[in-house]
Amino acid sequence: MQRRSWRNTASGRRSMLDRCPGAASIRTPTLTIKKCPQCGEEIEIFSNDVSVKCSRCGFTVYNDILSCVQWCKYARECVGEETYRKLTEKKTNTSQ
């Protein structure tokens, strides 16, 4: 079994962000350019964004990139409560 290396954060929480390879896109977000399906405007969305609104028409475009936060049992501890809620919000809201 692999040993996990945790570090303390400013809030006193332990985090794996410096070691977890799945959290790389959260630690260093990547930019993707998409086209708004409503008006065709180019939209910039980062890998740690759940959604963005089109600057031209206001249409909400969701990030369809799956992250480890959606399946890893350590995700809440790894990325922290606020980031965990932000990244799982889309899944919760769209399944209702």
PDB file of N, CA and C in Angstrom:
ATOM      1  N   MET A   1       0.840  -1.172   0.000  1.00  0.00           N
ATOM      2  CA  MET A   1       0.000   0.000   0.000  1.00  0.00           C
ATOM      3  C   MET A   1       0.889   1.240   0.000  1.00  0.00           C
ATOM      4  N   GLN A   2       0.515   2.213  -0.864  1.00  0.00           N
ATOM      5  CA  GLN A   2       1.315   3.422  -0.976  1.00  0.00           C
ATOM      6  C   GLN A   2       1.039   4.352   0.198  1.00  0.00           C
ATOM      7  N   ARG A   3       2.075   4.932   0.708  1.00  0.00           N
ATOM      8  CA  ARG A   3       1.953   5.860   1.831  1.00  0.00           C
ATOM      9  C   ARG A   3       1.610   7.250   1.308  1.00  0.00           C
ATOM     10  N   ARG A   4       0.623   7.899   1.895  1.00  0.00           N
ATOM     11  CA  ARG A   4       0.202   9.226   1.459  1.00  0.00           C
ATOM     12  C   ARG A   4       0.990  10.291   2.210  1.00  0.00           C
ATOM     13  N   SER A   5       1.384  11.318   1.487  1.00  0.00           N
ATOM     14  CA  SER A   5       2.131  12.414   2.091  1.00  0.00           C
ATOM     15  C   SER A   5       1.233  13.643   2.179  1.00  0.00           C
ATOM     16  N   TRP A   6       0.927  14.058   3.382  1.00  0.00           N
ATOM     17  CA  TRP A   6       0.042  15.192   3.607  1.00  0.00           C
ATOM     18  C   TRP A   6       0.864  16.392   4.049  1.00  0.00           C
ATOM     19  N   ARG A   7       0.372  17.584   3.756  1.00  0.00           N
ATOM     20  CA  ARG A   7       1.001  18.800   4.256  1.00  0.00           C
ATOM     21  C   ARG A   7      -0.074  19.625   4.948  1.00  0.00           C
ATOM     22  N   ASN A   8       0.318  20.443   5.899  1.00  0.00           N
ATOM     23  CA  ASN A   8      -0.632  21.301   6.590  1.00  0.00           C
ATOM     24  C   ASN A   8      -0.850  22.574   5.790  1.00  0.00           C
ATOM     25  N   THR A   9      -2.098  23.039   5.749  1.00  0.00           N
ATOM     26  CA  THR A   9      -2.432  24.284   5.077  1.00  0.00           C
ATOM     27  C   THR A   9      -2.558  25.379   6.125  1.00  0.00           C
ATOM     28  N   ALA A  10      -2.759  26.605   5.679  1.00  0.00           N
ATOM     29  CA  ALA A  10      -2.888  27.739   6.598  1.00  0.00           C
ATOM     30  C   ALA A  10      -4.064  27.562   7.549  1.00  0.00           C
ATOM     31  N   SER A  11      -5.120  26.889   7.085  1.00  0.00           N
ATOM     32  CA  SER A  11      -6.297  26.690   7.929  1.00  0.00           C
ATOM     33  C   SER A  11      -6.112  25.539   8.913  1.00  0.00           C
ATOM     34  N   GLY A  12      -4.966  24.886   8.850  1.00  0.00           N
ATOM     35  CA  GLY A  12      -4.713  23.766   9.741  1.00  0.00           C
ATOM     36  C   GLY A  12      -5.135  22.437   9.143  1.00  0.00           C
ATOM     37  N   ARG A  13      -5.782  22.488   7.979  1.00  0.00           N
ATOM     38  CA  ARG A  13      -6.195  21.261   7.298  1.00  0.00           C
ATOM     39  C   ARG A  13      -5.013  20.629   6.594  1.00  0.00           C
ATOM     40  N   ARG A  14      -5.036  19.338   6.506  1.00  0.00           N
ATOM     41  CA  ARG A  14      -3.979  18.649   5.772  1.00  0.00           C
ATOM     42  C   ARG A  14      -4.413  18.488   4.329  1.00  0.00           C
ATOM     43  N   SER A  15      -3.485  18.628   3.416  1.00  0.00           N
ATOM     44  CA  SER A  15      -3.820  18.575   2.004  1.00  0.00           C
ATOM     45  C   SER A  15      -2.819  17.712   1.242  1.00  0.00           C
ATOM     46  N   MET A  16      -3.313  17.052   0.201  1.00  0.00           N
ATOM     47  CA  MET A  16      -2.454  16.259  -0.674  1.00  0.00           C
ATOM     48  C   MET A  16      -2.179  16.978  -1.984  1.00  0.00           C
ATOM     49  N   LEU A  17      -2.599  18.227  -2.129  1.00  0.00           N
ATOM     50  CA  LEU A  17      -2.476  18.932  -3.399  1.00  0.00           C
ATOM     51  C   LEU A  17      -1.061  18.943  -3.960  1.00  0.00           C
ATOM     52  N   ASP A  18      -0.060  18.920  -3.094  1.00  0.00           N
ATOM     53  CA  ASP A  18       1.310  18.942  -3.597  1.00  0.00           C
ATOM     54  C   ASP A  18       1.769  17.578  -4.092  1.00  0.00           C
ATOM     55  N   ARG A  19       1.039  16.514  -3.807  1.00  0.00           N
ATOM     56  CA  ARG A  19       1.447  15.163  -4.204  1.00  0.00           C
ATOM     57  C   ARG A  19       0.457  14.457  -5.119  1.00  0.00           C
ATOM     58  N   CYS A  20      -0.808  14.796  -5.047  1.00  0.00           N
ATOM     59  CA  CYS A  20      -1.845  14.075  -5.775  1.00  0.00           C
ATOM     60  C   CYS A  20      -1.807  14.434  -7.262  1.00  0.00           C
ATOM     61  N   PRO A  21      -1.511  13.471  -8.131  1.00  0.00           N
ATOM     62  CA  PRO A  21      -1.436  13.777  -9.565  1.00  0.00           C
ATOM     63  C   PRO A  21      -2.790  14.143 -10.154  1.00  0.00           C
ATOM     64  N   GLY A  22      -3.862  13.673  -9.576  1.00  0.00           N
ATOM     65  CA  GLY A  22      -5.192  13.990 -10.076  1.00  0.00           C
ATOM     66  C   GLY A  22      -5.592  15.427  -9.811  1.00  0.00           C
ATOM     67  N   ALA A  23      -4.975  16.062  -8.840  1.00  0.00           N
ATOM     68  CA  ALA A  23      -5.313  17.435  -8.487  1.00  0.00           C
ATOM     69  C   ALA A  23      -4.484  18.452  -9.272  1.00  0.00           C
ATOM     70  N   ALA A  24      -3.692  18.005 -10.220  1.00  0.00           N
ATOM     71  CA  ALA A  24      -2.824  18.913 -10.982  1.00  0.00           C
ATOM     72  C   ALA A  24      -3.616  20.000 -11.694  1.00  0.00           C
ATOM     73  N   SER A  25      -4.771  19.670 -12.273  1.00  0.00           N
ATOM     74  CA  SER A  25      -5.549  20.680 -12.988  1.00  0.00           C
ATOM     75  C   SER A  25      -6.250  21.644 -12.034  1.00  0.00           C
ATOM     76  N   ILE A  26      -6.354  21.286 -10.761  1.00  0.00           N
ATOM     77  CA  ILE A  26      -6.902  22.190  -9.760  1.00  0.00           C
ATOM     78  C   ILE A  26      -5.794  23.109  -9.257  1.00  0.00           C
ATOM     79  N   ARG A  27      -4.623  22.509  -9.060  1.00  0.00           N
ATOM     80  CA  ARG A  27      -3.453  23.248  -8.579  1.00  0.00           C
ATOM     81  C   ARG A  27      -2.975  24.253  -9.628  1.00  0.00           C
ATOM     82  N   THR A  28      -2.898  23.820 -10.867  1.00  0.00           N
ATOM     83  CA  THR A  28      -2.468  24.661 -11.986  1.00  0.00           C
ATOM     84  C   THR A  28      -3.528  24.554 -13.077  1.00  0.00           C
ATOM     85  N   PRO A  29      -4.556  25.399 -13.009  1.00  0.00           N
ATOM     86  CA  PRO A  29      -5.658  25.299 -13.964  1.00  0.00           C
ATOM     87  C   PRO A  29      -5.204  25.464 -15.415  1.00  0.00           C
ATOM     88  N   THR A  30      -5.834  24.717 -16.300  1.00  0.00           N
ATOM     89  CA  THR A  30      -5.563  24.836 -17.731  1.00  0.00           C
ATOM     90  C   THR A  30      -6.744  25.536 -18.397  1.00  0.00           C
ATOM     91  N   LEU A  31      -6.451  26.266 -19.450  1.00  0.00           N
ATOM     92  CA  LEU A  31      -7.455  27.037 -20.160  1.00  0.00           C
ATOM     93  C   LEU A  31      -7.937  26.280 -21.391  1.00  0.00           C
ATOM     94  N   THR A  32      -9.247  26.265 -21.596  1.00  0.00           N
ATOM     95  CA  THR A  32      -9.849  25.681 -22.788  1.00  0.00           C
ATOM     96  C   THR A  32     -10.728  26.746 -23.429  1.00  0.00           C
ATOM     97  N   ILE A  33     -10.670  26.826 -24.744  1.00  0.00           N
ATOM     98  CA  ILE A  33     -11.528  27.740 -25.483  1.00  0.00           C
ATOM     99  C   ILE A  33     -12.666  26.915 -26.077  1.00  0.00           C
ATOM    100  N   LYS A  34     -13.900  27.320 -25.769  1.00  0.00           N
ATOM    101  CA  LYS A  34     -15.075  26.644 -26.308  1.00  0.00           C
ATOM    102  C   LYS A  34     -15.897  27.662 -27.070  1.00  0.00           C
ATOM    103  N   LYS A  35     -16.819  27.167 -27.871  1.00  0.00           N
ATOM    104  CA  LYS A  35     -17.762  28.042 -28.564  1.00  0.00           C
ATOM    105  C   LYS A  35     -19.099  27.958 -27.859  1.00  0.00           C
ATOM    106  N   CYS A  36     -19.708  29.105 -27.658  1.00  0.00           N
ATOM    107  CA  CYS A  36     -21.031  29.150 -27.046  1.00  0.00           C
ATOM    108  C   CYS A  36     -22.016  28.474 -28.001  1.00  0.00           C
ATOM    109  N   PRO A  37     -22.766  27.485 -27.517  1.00  0.00           N
ATOM    110  CA  PRO A  37     -23.721  26.800 -28.387  1.00  0.00           C
ATOM    111  C   PRO A  37     -24.899  27.693 -28.785  1.00  0.00           C
ATOM    112  N   GLN A  38     -25.098  28.781 -28.070  1.00  0.00           N
ATOM    113  CA  GLN A  38     -26.216  29.691 -28.331  1.00  0.00           C
ATOM    114  C   GLN A  38     -25.880  30.699 -29.440  1.00  0.00           C
ATOM    115  N   CYS A  39     -24.686  31.345 -29.327  1.00  0.00           N
ATOM    116  CA  CYS A  39     -24.372  32.432 -30.271  1.00  0.00           C
ATOM    117  C   CYS A  39     -23.052  32.255 -31.025  1.00  0.00           C
ATOM    118  N   GLY A  40     -22.232  31.272 -30.647  1.00  0.00           N
ATOM    119  CA  GLY A  40     -20.971  31.024 -31.347  1.00  0.00           C
ATOM    120  C   GLY A  40     -19.778  31.803 -30.833  1.00  0.00           C
ATOM    121  N   GLU A  41     -19.972  32.661 -29.836  1.00  0.00           N
ATOM    122  CA  GLU A  41     -18.872  33.434 -29.240  1.00  0.00           C
ATOM    123  C   GLU A  41     -17.843  32.494 -28.607  1.00  0.00           C
ATOM    124  N   GLU A  42     -16.561  32.850 -28.685  1.00  0.00           N
ATOM    125  CA  GLU A  42     -15.532  32.067 -28.002  1.00  0.00           C
ATOM    126  C   GLU A  42     -15.606  32.325 -26.508  1.00  0.00           C
ATOM    127  N   ILE A  43     -15.532  31.253 -25.725  1.00  0.00           N
ATOM    128  CA  ILE A  43     -15.620  31.338 -24.267  1.00  0.00           C
ATOM    129  C   ILE A  43     -14.387  30.683 -23.675  1.00  0.00           C
ATOM    130  N   GLU A  44     -13.729  31.370 -22.734  1.00  0.00           N
ATOM    131  CA  GLU A  44     -12.587  30.810 -22.017  1.00  0.00           C
ATOM    132  C   GLU A  44     -13.095  30.150 -20.741  1.00  0.00           C
ATOM    133  N   ILE A  45     -12.727  28.888 -20.545  1.00  0.00           N
ATOM    134  CA  ILE A  45     -13.110  28.183 -19.324  1.00  0.00           C
ATOM    135  C   ILE A  45     -11.882  27.456 -18.777  1.00  0.00           C
ATOM    136  N   PHE A  46     -11.615  27.663 -17.508  1.00  0.00           N
ATOM    137  CA  PHE A  46     -10.471  27.017 -16.862  1.00  0.00           C
ATOM    138  C   PHE A  46     -10.893  25.668 -16.285  1.00  0.00           C
ATOM    139  N   SER A  47      -9.940  24.784 -16.128  1.00  0.00           N
ATOM    140  CA  SER A  47     -10.218  23.423 -15.647  1.00  0.00           C
ATOM    141  C   SER A  47     -10.809  23.394 -14.243  1.00  0.00           C
ATOM    142  N   ASN A  48     -10.637  24.459 -13.475  1.00  0.00           N
ATOM    143  CA  ASN A  48     -11.216  24.483 -12.131  1.00  0.00           C
ATOM    144  C   ASN A  48     -12.521  25.271 -12.068  1.00  0.00           C
ATOM    145  N   ASP A  49     -13.034  25.713 -13.229  1.00  0.00           N
ATOM    146  CA  ASP A  49     -14.335  26.378 -13.302  1.00  0.00           C
ATOM    147  C   ASP A  49     -15.425  25.337 -13.482  1.00  0.00           C
ATOM    148  N   VAL A  50     -16.529  25.510 -12.792  1.00  0.00           N
ATOM    149  CA  VAL A  50     -17.677  24.638 -12.982  1.00  0.00           C
ATOM    150  C   VAL A  50     -18.457  25.113 -14.202  1.00  0.00           C
ATOM    151  N   SER A  51     -18.627  26.422 -14.319  1.00  0.00           N
ATOM    152  CA  SER A  51     -19.343  26.987 -15.448  1.00  0.00           C
ATOM    153  C   SER A  51     -18.916  28.434 -15.655  1.00  0.00           C
ATOM    154  N   VAL A  52     -19.176  28.956 -16.855  1.00  0.00           N
ATOM    155  CA  VAL A  52     -18.966  30.364 -17.163  1.00  0.00           C
ATOM    156  C   VAL A  52     -20.137  30.838 -18.007  1.00  0.00           C
ATOM    157  N   LYS A  53     -20.393  32.152 -17.952  1.00  0.00           N
ATOM    158  CA  LYS A  53     -21.453  32.741 -18.773  1.00  0.00           C
ATOM    159  C   LYS A  53     -20.829  33.380 -20.004  1.00  0.00           C
ATOM    160  N   CYS A  54     -21.493  33.222 -21.121  1.00  0.00           N
ATOM    161  CA  CYS A  54     -21.057  33.831 -22.372  1.00  0.00           C
ATOM    162  C   CYS A  54     -21.149  35.349 -22.224  1.00  0.00           C
ATOM    163  N   SER A  55     -20.085  36.048 -22.628  1.00  0.00           N
ATOM    164  CA  SER A  55     -20.067  37.509 -22.506  1.00  0.00           C
ATOM    165  C   SER A  55     -20.995  38.180 -23.517  1.00  0.00           C
ATOM    166  N   ARG A  56     -21.331  37.468 -24.566  1.00  0.00           N
ATOM    167  CA  ARG A  56     -22.205  38.059 -25.584  1.00  0.00           C
ATOM    168  C   ARG A  56     -23.688  37.849 -25.275  1.00  0.00           C
ATOM    169  N   CYS A  57     -24.089  36.611 -24.994  1.00  0.00           N
ATOM    170  CA  CYS A  57     -25.526  36.331 -24.840  1.00  0.00           C
ATOM    171  C   CYS A  57     -25.939  35.912 -23.433  1.00  0.00           C
ATOM    172  N   GLY A  58     -24.960  35.618 -22.548  1.00  0.00           N
ATOM    173  CA  GLY A  58     -25.294  35.246 -21.174  1.00  0.00           C
ATOM    174  C   GLY A  58     -25.588  33.775 -20.965  1.00  0.00           C
ATOM    175  N   PHE A  59     -25.486  32.962 -22.016  1.00  0.00           N
ATOM    176  CA  PHE A  59     -25.737  31.526 -21.909  1.00  0.00           C
ATOM    177  C   PHE A  59     -24.696  30.894 -20.974  1.00  0.00           C
ATOM    178  N   THR A  60     -25.113  29.995 -20.092  1.00  0.00           N
ATOM    179  CA  THR A  60     -24.196  29.328 -19.175  1.00  0.00           C
ATOM    180  C   THR A  60     -23.617  28.088 -19.839  1.00  0.00           C
ATOM    181  N   VAL A  61     -22.294  28.039 -19.911  1.00  0.00           N
ATOM    182  CA  VAL A  61     -21.581  26.897 -20.481  1.00  0.00           C
ATOM    183  C   VAL A  61     -20.902  26.162 -19.338  1.00  0.00           C
ATOM    184  N   TYR A  62     -21.131  24.841 -19.262  1.00  0.00           N
ATOM    185  CA  TYR A  62     -20.567  24.028 -18.188  1.00  0.00           C
ATOM    186  C   TYR A  62     -19.278  23.360 -18.631  1.00  0.00           C
ATOM    187  N   ASN A  63     -18.387  23.186 -17.682  1.00  0.00           N
ATOM    188  CA  ASN A  63     -17.133  22.489 -17.923  1.00  0.00           C
ATOM    189  C   ASN A  63     -17.421  20.991 -17.925  1.00  0.00           C
ATOM    190  N   ASP A  64     -17.104  20.316 -19.007  1.00  0.00           N
ATOM    191  CA  ASP A  64     -17.394  18.891 -19.098  1.00  0.00           C
ATOM    192  C   ASP A  64     -16.191  18.008 -18.777  1.00  0.00           C
ATOM    193  N   ILE A  65     -15.126  18.617 -18.282  1.00  0.00           N
ATOM    194  CA  ILE A  65     -13.939  17.850 -17.905  1.00  0.00           C
ATOM    195  C   ILE A  65     -14.167  17.229 -16.533  1.00  0.00           C
ATOM    196  N   LEU A  66     -14.069  15.923 -16.444  1.00  0.00           N
ATOM    197  CA  LEU A  66     -14.201  15.248 -15.158  1.00  0.00           C
ATOM    198  C   LEU A  66     -12.896  15.359 -14.393  1.00  0.00           C
ATOM    199  N   SER A  67     -12.993  15.622 -13.121  1.00  0.00           N
ATOM    200  CA  SER A  67     -11.791  15.670 -12.301  1.00  0.00           C
ATOM    201  C   SER A  67     -11.869  14.568 -11.251  1.00  0.00           C
ATOM    202  N   CYS A  68     -10.761  14.323 -10.609  1.00  0.00           N
ATOM    203  CA  CYS A  68     -10.708  13.307  -9.564  1.00  0.00           C
ATOM    204  C   CYS A  68     -11.642  13.634  -8.411  1.00  0.00           C
ATOM    205  N   VAL A  69     -12.008  14.900  -8.276  1.00  0.00           N
ATOM    206  CA  VAL A  69     -12.899  15.323  -7.197  1.00  0.00           C
ATOM    207  C   VAL A  69     -14.238  14.586  -7.290  1.00  0.00           C
ATOM    208  N   GLN A  70     -14.635  14.219  -8.484  1.00  0.00           N
ATOM    209  CA  GLN A  70     -15.928  13.573  -8.671  1.00  0.00           C
ATOM    210  C   GLN A  70     -15.921  12.081  -8.346  1.00  0.00           C
ATOM    211  N   TRP A  71     -14.745  11.478  -8.188  1.00  0.00           N
ATOM    212  CA  TRP A  71     -14.740  10.043  -7.892  1.00  0.00           C
ATOM    213  C   TRP A  71     -13.813   9.628  -6.751  1.00  0.00           C
ATOM    214  N   CYS A  72     -12.856  10.448  -6.373  1.00  0.00           N
ATOM    215  CA  CYS A  72     -11.883  10.052  -5.352  1.00  0.00           C
ATOM    216  C   CYS A  72     -12.457  10.194  -3.942  1.00  0.00           C
ATOM    217  N   LYS A  73     -12.302   9.158  -3.143  1.00  0.00           N
ATOM    218  CA  LYS A  73     -12.841   9.202  -1.780  1.00  0.00           C
ATOM    219  C   LYS A  73     -12.074  10.165  -0.873  1.00  0.00           C
ATOM    220  N   TYR A  74     -10.898  10.612  -1.271  1.00  0.00           N
ATOM    221  CA  TYR A  74     -10.110  11.565  -0.489  1.00  0.00           C
ATOM    222  C   TYR A  74     -10.286  13.006  -0.984  1.00  0.00           C
ATOM    223  N   ALA A  75     -11.128  13.226  -1.968  1.00  0.00           N
ATOM    224  CA  ALA A  75     -11.238  14.535  -2.622  1.00  0.00           C
ATOM    225  C   ALA A  75     -11.554  15.668  -1.658  1.00  0.00           C
ATOM    226  N   ARG A  76     -12.525  15.471  -0.788  1.00  0.00           N
ATOM    227  CA  ARG A  76     -12.920  16.542   0.130  1.00  0.00           C
ATOM    228  C   ARG A  76     -11.732  16.962   1.001  1.00  0.00           C
ATOM    229  N   GLU A  77     -10.970  15.995   1.494  1.00  0.00           N
ATOM    230  CA  GLU A  77      -9.794  16.287   2.317  1.00  0.00           C
ATOM    231  C   GLU A  77      -8.678  16.906   1.477  1.00  0.00           C
ATOM    232  N   CYS A  78      -8.534  16.434   0.262  1.00  0.00           N
ATOM    233  CA  CYS A  78      -7.428  16.835  -0.601  1.00  0.00           C
ATOM    234  C   CYS A  78      -7.547  18.285  -1.052  1.00  0.00           C
ATOM    235  N   VAL A  79      -8.722  18.680  -1.546  1.00  0.00           N
ATOM    236  CA  VAL A  79      -8.863  20.018  -2.116  1.00  0.00           C
ATOM    237  C   VAL A  79      -9.502  21.019  -1.165  1.00  0.00           C
ATOM    238  N   GLY A  80     -10.056  20.550  -0.053  1.00  0.00           N
ATOM    239  CA  GLY A  80     -10.711  21.445   0.900  1.00  0.00           C
ATOM    240  C   GLY A  80     -12.199  21.551   0.625  1.00  0.00           C
ATOM    241  N   GLU A  81     -12.936  21.887   1.641  1.00  0.00           N
ATOM    242  CA  GLU A  81     -14.405  21.900   1.571  1.00  0.00           C
ATOM    243  C   GLU A  81     -14.946  22.874   0.521  1.00  0.00           C
ATOM    244  N   GLU A  82     -14.422  24.091   0.486  1.00  0.00           N
ATOM    245  CA  GLU A  82     -14.936  25.099  -0.452  1.00  0.00           C
ATOM    246  C   GLU A  82     -14.737  24.680  -1.910  1.00  0.00           C
ATOM    247  N   THR A  83     -13.536  24.244  -2.262  1.00  0.00           N
ATOM    248  CA  THR A  83     -13.258  23.808  -3.628  1.00  0.00           C
ATOM    249  C   THR A  83     -14.056  22.560  -3.960  1.00  0.00           C
ATOM    250  N   TYR A  84     -14.172  21.648  -3.012  1.00  0.00           N
ATOM    251  CA  TYR A  84     -14.950  20.424  -3.226  1.00  0.00           C
ATOM    252  C   TYR A  84     -16.400  20.771  -3.572  1.00  0.00           C
ATOM    253  N   ARG A  85     -16.998  21.668  -2.797  1.00  0.00           N
ATOM    254  CA  ARG A  85     -18.394  22.065  -3.064  1.00  0.00           C
ATOM    255  C   ARG A  85     -18.525  22.736  -4.426  1.00  0.00           C
ATOM    256  N   LYS A  86     -17.583  23.610  -4.758  1.00  0.00           N
ATOM    257  CA  LYS A  86     -17.620  24.310  -6.049  1.00  0.00           C
ATOM    258  C   LYS A  86     -17.562  23.321  -7.212  1.00  0.00           C
ATOM    259  N   LEU A  87     -16.674  22.350  -7.114  1.00  0.00           N
ATOM    260  CA  LEU A  87     -16.481  21.413  -8.216  1.00  0.00           C
ATOM    261  C   LEU A  87     -17.556  20.331  -8.304  1.00  0.00           C
ATOM    262  N   THR A  88     -18.281  20.095  -7.231  1.00  0.00           N
ATOM    263  CA  THR A  88     -19.351  19.094  -7.270  1.00  0.00           C
ATOM    264  C   THR A  88     -20.728  19.736  -7.397  1.00  0.00           C
ATOM    265  N   GLU A  89     -20.799  21.053  -7.361  1.00  0.00           N
ATOM    266  CA  GLU A  89     -22.063  21.781  -7.446  1.00  0.00           C
ATOM    267  C   GLU A  89     -22.826  21.472  -8.727  1.00  0.00           C
ATOM    268  N   LYS A  90     -22.154  21.462  -9.871  1.00  0.00           N
ATOM    269  CA  LYS A  90     -22.811  21.200 -11.161  1.00  0.00           C
ATOM    270  C   LYS A  90     -23.483  19.840 -11.141  1.00  0.00           C
ATOM    271  N   LYS A  91     -22.775  18.831 -10.679  1.00  0.00           N
ATOM    272  CA  LYS A  91     -23.299  17.474 -10.665  1.00  0.00           C
ATOM    273  C   LYS A  91     -24.564  17.408  -9.798  1.00  0.00           C
ATOM    274  N   THR A  92     -24.542  18.048  -8.639  1.00  0.00           N
ATOM    275  CA  THR A  92     -25.681  18.045  -7.725  1.00  0.00           C
ATOM    276  C   THR A  92     -26.857  18.809  -8.344  1.00  0.00           C
ATOM    277  N   ASN A  93     -26.597  19.993  -8.893  1.00  0.00           N
ATOM    278  CA  ASN A  93     -27.667  20.821  -9.442  1.00  0.00           C
ATOM    279  C   ASN A  93     -28.309  20.238 -10.685  1.00  0.00           C
ATOM    280  N   THR A  94     -27.552  19.569 -11.522  1.00  0.00           N
ATOM    281  CA  THR A  94     -28.114  19.045 -12.766  1.00  0.00           C
ATOM    282  C   THR A  94     -28.802  17.706 -12.558  1.00  0.00           C
ATOM    283  N   SER A  95     -28.565  17.046 -11.440  1.00  0.00           N
ATOM    284  CA  SER A  95     -29.198  15.748 -11.238  1.00  0.00           C
ATOM    285  C   SER A  95     -30.549  15.861 -10.541  1.00  0.00           C
ATOM    286  N   GLN A  96     -30.961  17.082 -10.180  1.00  0.00           N
ATOM    287  CA  GLN A  96     -32.234  17.269  -9.495  1.00  0.00           C
ATOM    288  C   GLN A  96     -33.361  17.485 -10.460  1.00  0.00           C
TER     289      GLN A  96
END
